[in-house]
Amino acid sequence: MPAYLIFTREGPVKDPQKMEAYSAANRANAEEYASRFGIKPLSVYGHFETLEGEDADGVVLLEFPTIEDARGWYESPQYQAAMADRLKAADYRVILFEGI
C-alpha cells in the first residue's frame, strides 16, 4: 500500500544558505533515495491553494511504496543529516500517511 509524506513550510525561509544546503544534499542523494526507498516526488513547491485552515508558505508531496519505506527514508542517516539544515532554515509540519 503506498504511503505519502507531506511537508508544509509554515512560514518564510529564515536562513537561505541552510535551505540551499538541505536542497543540495537531497539532490546529491536522489538516486540512492529512489533505488533504496522508492521515493517519488509528486509535487515540490508547485502552485497550491489553501482552501481551509492556516495558509502554508510551500508544500512538498512525496510518494513511497510503503509506510516502512517512508519511515526508512525519513530516519536514514543521509536524510537526518540534511534535515538538520532544514530545521534551521524554516519551520515545517511533516505528515506521514498511508494511501489506499
N, C-alpha and C. Protein backbone atom coordinates (compact mmCIF):
# COMPACT_ATOMS: atom_id res chain seq x y z
N MET A 1 0.84 -1.17 0.00
CA MET A 1 0.00 0.00 0.00
C MET A 1 0.89 1.24 0.00
N PRO A 2 0.64 2.21 -0.89
CA PRO A 2 1.51 3.39 -0.95
C PRO A 2 1.40 4.23 0.31
N ALA A 3 2.44 5.01 0.54
CA ALA A 3 2.47 5.94 1.66
C ALA A 3 2.95 7.29 1.14
N TYR A 4 2.58 8.33 1.85
CA TYR A 4 2.90 9.68 1.43
C TYR A 4 3.44 10.49 2.59
N LEU A 5 4.38 11.35 2.29
CA LEU A 5 4.86 12.35 3.23
C LEU A 5 4.51 13.71 2.64
N ILE A 6 3.87 14.53 3.44
CA ILE A 6 3.59 15.89 3.01
C ILE A 6 4.33 16.85 3.95
N PHE A 7 5.07 17.73 3.34
CA PHE A 7 5.81 18.77 4.07
C PHE A 7 5.12 20.10 3.78
N THR A 8 4.73 20.81 4.80
CA THR A 8 4.22 22.16 4.60
C THR A 8 5.15 23.12 5.32
N ARG A 9 5.67 24.06 4.55
CA ARG A 9 6.52 25.09 5.16
C ARG A 9 5.57 26.09 5.80
N GLU A 10 5.75 26.32 7.09
CA GLU A 10 4.80 27.09 7.87
C GLU A 10 5.08 28.60 7.86
N GLY A 11 6.12 29.01 7.18
CA GLY A 11 6.45 30.44 7.10
C GLY A 11 7.62 30.62 6.16
N PRO A 12 8.06 31.83 5.98
CA PRO A 12 9.16 32.08 5.04
C PRO A 12 10.47 31.45 5.51
N VAL A 13 11.35 31.25 4.55
CA VAL A 13 12.68 30.72 4.84
C VAL A 13 13.45 31.76 5.67
N LYS A 14 14.00 31.30 6.78
CA LYS A 14 14.75 32.18 7.69
C LYS A 14 16.24 32.21 7.37
N ASP A 15 16.74 31.12 6.80
CA ASP A 15 18.17 31.01 6.50
C ASP A 15 18.34 30.39 5.11
N PRO A 16 18.43 31.22 4.07
CA PRO A 16 18.54 30.71 2.70
C PRO A 16 19.75 29.80 2.48
N GLN A 17 20.86 30.06 3.15
CA GLN A 17 22.05 29.21 2.98
C GLN A 17 21.80 27.80 3.51
N LYS A 18 21.13 27.69 4.65
CA LYS A 18 20.81 26.37 5.19
C LYS A 18 19.80 25.66 4.30
N MET A 19 18.86 26.41 3.73
CA MET A 19 17.88 25.79 2.83
C MET A 19 18.57 25.28 1.57
N GLU A 20 19.53 26.03 1.06
CA GLU A 20 20.27 25.57 -0.12
C GLU A 20 21.09 24.34 0.21
N ALA A 21 21.70 24.30 1.39
CA ALA A 21 22.47 23.11 1.80
C ALA A 21 21.55 21.89 1.89
N TYR A 22 20.36 22.07 2.43
CA TYR A 22 19.36 20.99 2.53
C TYR A 22 18.98 20.50 1.12
N SER A 23 18.67 21.42 0.24
CA SER A 23 18.28 21.06 -1.13
C SER A 23 19.42 20.36 -1.85
N ALA A 24 20.63 20.86 -1.70
CA ALA A 24 21.79 20.25 -2.37
C ALA A 24 22.02 18.83 -1.87
N ALA A 25 21.88 18.60 -0.58
CA ALA A 25 22.05 17.25 -0.04
C ALA A 25 21.01 16.29 -0.60
N ASN A 26 19.78 16.76 -0.72
CA ASN A 26 18.73 15.90 -1.28
C ASN A 26 18.97 15.61 -2.75
N ARG A 27 19.41 16.60 -3.49
CA ARG A 27 19.73 16.36 -4.91
C ARG A 27 20.87 15.36 -5.04
N ALA A 28 21.89 15.50 -4.20
CA ALA A 28 23.05 14.61 -4.26
C ALA A 28 22.68 13.17 -3.93
N ASN A 29 21.66 12.97 -3.11
CA ASN A 29 21.25 11.62 -2.70
C ASN A 29 20.03 11.10 -3.44
N ALA A 30 19.55 11.83 -4.43
CA ALA A 30 18.29 11.50 -5.10
C ALA A 30 18.27 10.09 -5.69
N GLU A 31 19.34 9.70 -6.37
CA GLU A 31 19.37 8.35 -6.97
C GLU A 31 19.34 7.27 -5.91
N GLU A 32 20.11 7.44 -4.85
CA GLU A 32 20.10 6.45 -3.77
C GLU A 32 18.73 6.39 -3.10
N TYR A 33 18.12 7.54 -2.86
CA TYR A 33 16.79 7.57 -2.25
C TYR A 33 15.78 6.82 -3.12
N ALA A 34 15.86 7.02 -4.44
CA ALA A 34 14.92 6.37 -5.35
C ALA A 34 15.12 4.86 -5.36
N SER A 35 16.38 4.41 -5.44
CA SER A 35 16.62 2.97 -5.53
C SER A 35 16.43 2.26 -4.19
N ARG A 36 16.77 2.91 -3.11
CA ARG A 36 16.71 2.27 -1.79
C ARG A 36 15.32 2.36 -1.16
N PHE A 37 14.63 3.50 -1.34
CA PHE A 37 13.36 3.71 -0.66
C PHE A 37 12.17 3.87 -1.61
N GLY A 38 12.41 3.91 -2.90
CA GLY A 38 11.32 4.06 -3.87
C GLY A 38 10.65 5.42 -3.82
N ILE A 39 11.38 6.44 -3.37
CA ILE A 39 10.80 7.78 -3.24
C ILE A 39 10.42 8.32 -4.61
N LYS A 40 9.25 8.94 -4.68
CA LYS A 40 8.77 9.54 -5.92
C LYS A 40 8.18 10.91 -5.58
N PRO A 41 8.89 12.00 -5.94
CA PRO A 41 8.32 13.33 -5.69
C PRO A 41 7.11 13.55 -6.59
N LEU A 42 5.98 13.90 -5.99
CA LEU A 42 4.76 14.18 -6.75
C LEU A 42 4.54 15.67 -6.94
N SER A 43 4.96 16.45 -5.97
CA SER A 43 4.85 17.91 -6.07
C SER A 43 5.91 18.52 -5.16
N VAL A 44 6.68 19.45 -5.71
CA VAL A 44 7.73 20.11 -4.94
C VAL A 44 7.58 21.62 -5.15
N TYR A 45 6.95 22.26 -4.19
CA TYR A 45 6.75 23.71 -4.20
C TYR A 45 6.04 24.21 -5.45
N GLY A 46 5.11 23.40 -5.95
CA GLY A 46 4.28 23.84 -7.07
C GLY A 46 3.16 24.75 -6.60
N HIS A 47 2.34 25.18 -7.53
CA HIS A 47 1.20 26.03 -7.21
C HIS A 47 0.25 25.28 -6.28
N PHE A 48 -0.28 25.96 -5.28
CA PHE A 48 -1.28 25.38 -4.38
C PHE A 48 -2.21 26.48 -3.90
N GLU A 49 -3.37 26.07 -3.44
CA GLU A 49 -4.35 26.97 -2.85
C GLU A 49 -4.76 26.41 -1.51
N THR A 50 -4.79 27.23 -0.50
CA THR A 50 -5.29 26.81 0.81
C THR A 50 -6.79 27.02 0.82
N LEU A 51 -7.54 25.93 0.95
CA LEU A 51 -8.99 26.02 0.95
C LEU A 51 -9.56 26.13 2.37
N GLU A 52 -8.83 25.60 3.35
CA GLU A 52 -9.26 25.68 4.75
C GLU A 52 -8.03 25.79 5.64
N GLY A 53 -8.17 26.40 6.78
CA GLY A 53 -7.09 26.46 7.76
C GLY A 53 -6.03 27.49 7.42
N GLU A 54 -4.95 27.41 8.19
CA GLU A 54 -3.83 28.33 8.02
C GLU A 54 -3.16 28.13 6.67
N ASP A 55 -2.74 29.21 6.05
CA ASP A 55 -2.04 29.14 4.78
C ASP A 55 -0.62 28.62 5.00
N ALA A 56 -0.12 27.87 4.06
CA ALA A 56 1.27 27.39 4.09
C ALA A 56 2.11 28.31 3.20
N ASP A 57 3.42 28.24 3.38
CA ASP A 57 4.34 29.01 2.55
C ASP A 57 4.87 28.17 1.39
N GLY A 58 4.74 26.84 1.51
CA GLY A 58 5.19 25.93 0.47
C GLY A 58 4.78 24.51 0.82
N VAL A 59 4.63 23.67 -0.20
CA VAL A 59 4.17 22.30 0.02
C VAL A 59 4.99 21.34 -0.83
N VAL A 60 5.37 20.19 -0.22
CA VAL A 60 6.05 19.10 -0.93
C VAL A 60 5.28 17.82 -0.63
N LEU A 61 5.01 17.03 -1.67
CA LEU A 61 4.33 15.75 -1.51
C LEU A 61 5.21 14.66 -2.12
N LEU A 62 5.57 13.66 -1.30
CA LEU A 62 6.42 12.55 -1.72
C LEU A 62 5.65 11.25 -1.59
N GLU A 63 5.82 10.35 -2.55
CA GLU A 63 5.18 9.04 -2.51
C GLU A 63 6.24 7.96 -2.30
N PHE A 64 5.88 6.93 -1.54
CA PHE A 64 6.74 5.79 -1.26
C PHE A 64 5.93 4.51 -1.46
N PRO A 65 6.58 3.39 -1.77
CA PRO A 65 5.85 2.13 -1.94
C PRO A 65 5.10 1.68 -0.68
N THR A 66 5.70 1.93 0.50
CA THR A 66 5.09 1.51 1.76
C THR A 66 5.39 2.54 2.84
N ILE A 67 4.65 2.44 3.92
CA ILE A 67 4.90 3.32 5.06
C ILE A 67 6.28 3.04 5.67
N GLU A 68 6.70 1.78 5.61
CA GLU A 68 8.04 1.42 6.11
C GLU A 68 9.13 2.06 5.28
N ASP A 69 8.94 2.13 3.95
CA ASP A 69 9.92 2.81 3.10
C ASP A 69 9.99 4.29 3.43
N ALA A 70 8.84 4.91 3.66
CA ALA A 70 8.82 6.34 4.00
C ALA A 70 9.55 6.59 5.32
N ARG A 71 9.27 5.76 6.32
CA ARG A 71 9.95 5.92 7.60
C ARG A 71 11.44 5.64 7.46
N GLY A 72 11.78 4.62 6.66
CA GLY A 72 13.19 4.30 6.43
C GLY A 72 13.94 5.47 5.82
N TRP A 73 13.33 6.13 4.84
CA TRP A 73 13.96 7.30 4.23
C TRP A 73 14.09 8.42 5.25
N TYR A 74 13.00 8.74 5.94
CA TYR A 74 12.99 9.85 6.89
C TYR A 74 14.02 9.63 8.01
N GLU A 75 14.16 8.39 8.45
CA GLU A 75 15.07 8.08 9.55
C GLU A 75 16.48 7.73 9.09
N SER A 76 16.73 7.71 7.78
CA SER A 76 18.06 7.35 7.27
C SER A 76 19.10 8.38 7.71
N PRO A 77 20.34 7.94 7.91
CA PRO A 77 21.40 8.88 8.31
C PRO A 77 21.58 10.03 7.31
N GLN A 78 21.44 9.73 6.00
CA GLN A 78 21.62 10.78 5.00
C GLN A 78 20.54 11.86 5.14
N TYR A 79 19.28 11.43 5.28
CA TYR A 79 18.22 12.43 5.39
C TYR A 79 18.30 13.16 6.74
N GLN A 80 18.59 12.46 7.80
CA GLN A 80 18.69 13.11 9.11
C GLN A 80 19.77 14.19 9.10
N ALA A 81 20.87 13.94 8.41
CA ALA A 81 21.93 14.95 8.30
C ALA A 81 21.42 16.17 7.53
N ALA A 82 20.71 15.92 6.42
CA ALA A 82 20.17 17.04 5.64
C ALA A 82 19.08 17.77 6.43
N MET A 83 18.28 17.02 7.16
CA MET A 83 17.17 17.61 7.91
C MET A 83 17.66 18.64 8.92
N ALA A 84 18.84 18.45 9.46
CA ALA A 84 19.38 19.42 10.42
C ALA A 84 19.43 20.82 9.80
N ASP A 85 19.79 20.90 8.52
CA ASP A 85 19.80 22.20 7.84
C ASP A 85 18.38 22.72 7.61
N ARG A 86 17.45 21.82 7.25
CA ARG A 86 16.06 22.25 7.03
C ARG A 86 15.47 22.84 8.30
N LEU A 87 15.75 22.21 9.43
CA LEU A 87 15.20 22.69 10.70
C LEU A 87 15.73 24.07 11.07
N LYS A 88 16.94 24.39 10.62
CA LYS A 88 17.50 25.72 10.86
C LYS A 88 17.00 26.73 9.83
N ALA A 89 16.58 26.25 8.67
CA ALA A 89 16.21 27.13 7.57
C ALA A 89 14.78 27.65 7.66
N ALA A 90 13.86 26.80 8.13
CA ALA A 90 12.44 27.19 8.13
C ALA A 90 11.65 26.25 9.03
N ASP A 91 10.45 26.67 9.37
CA ASP A 91 9.54 25.85 10.18
C ASP A 91 8.65 25.02 9.26
N TYR A 92 8.55 23.74 9.55
CA TYR A 92 7.76 22.81 8.74
C TYR A 92 6.83 21.99 9.60
N ARG A 93 5.78 21.51 8.96
CA ARG A 93 4.93 20.45 9.50
C ARG A 93 5.12 19.29 8.54
N VAL A 94 5.35 18.09 9.06
CA VAL A 94 5.56 16.91 8.24
C VAL A 94 4.58 15.84 8.67
N ILE A 95 3.81 15.32 7.70
CA ILE A 95 2.78 14.33 8.00
C ILE A 95 3.04 13.10 7.13
N LEU A 96 3.04 11.94 7.77
CA LEU A 96 3.17 10.66 7.09
C LEU A 96 1.80 10.00 7.10
N PHE A 97 1.33 9.56 5.93
CA PHE A 97 0.03 8.89 5.90
C PHE A 97 0.02 7.80 4.84
N GLU A 98 -0.84 6.82 5.08
CA GLU A 98 -0.95 5.66 4.21
C GLU A 98 -2.03 5.92 3.16
N GLY A 99 -1.77 5.48 1.93
CA GLY A 99 -2.73 5.61 0.85
C GLY A 99 -3.66 4.41 0.79
N ILE A 100 -4.44 4.38 -0.26
CA ILE A 100 -5.37 3.26 -0.45
C ILE A 100 -5.07 2.55 -1.76
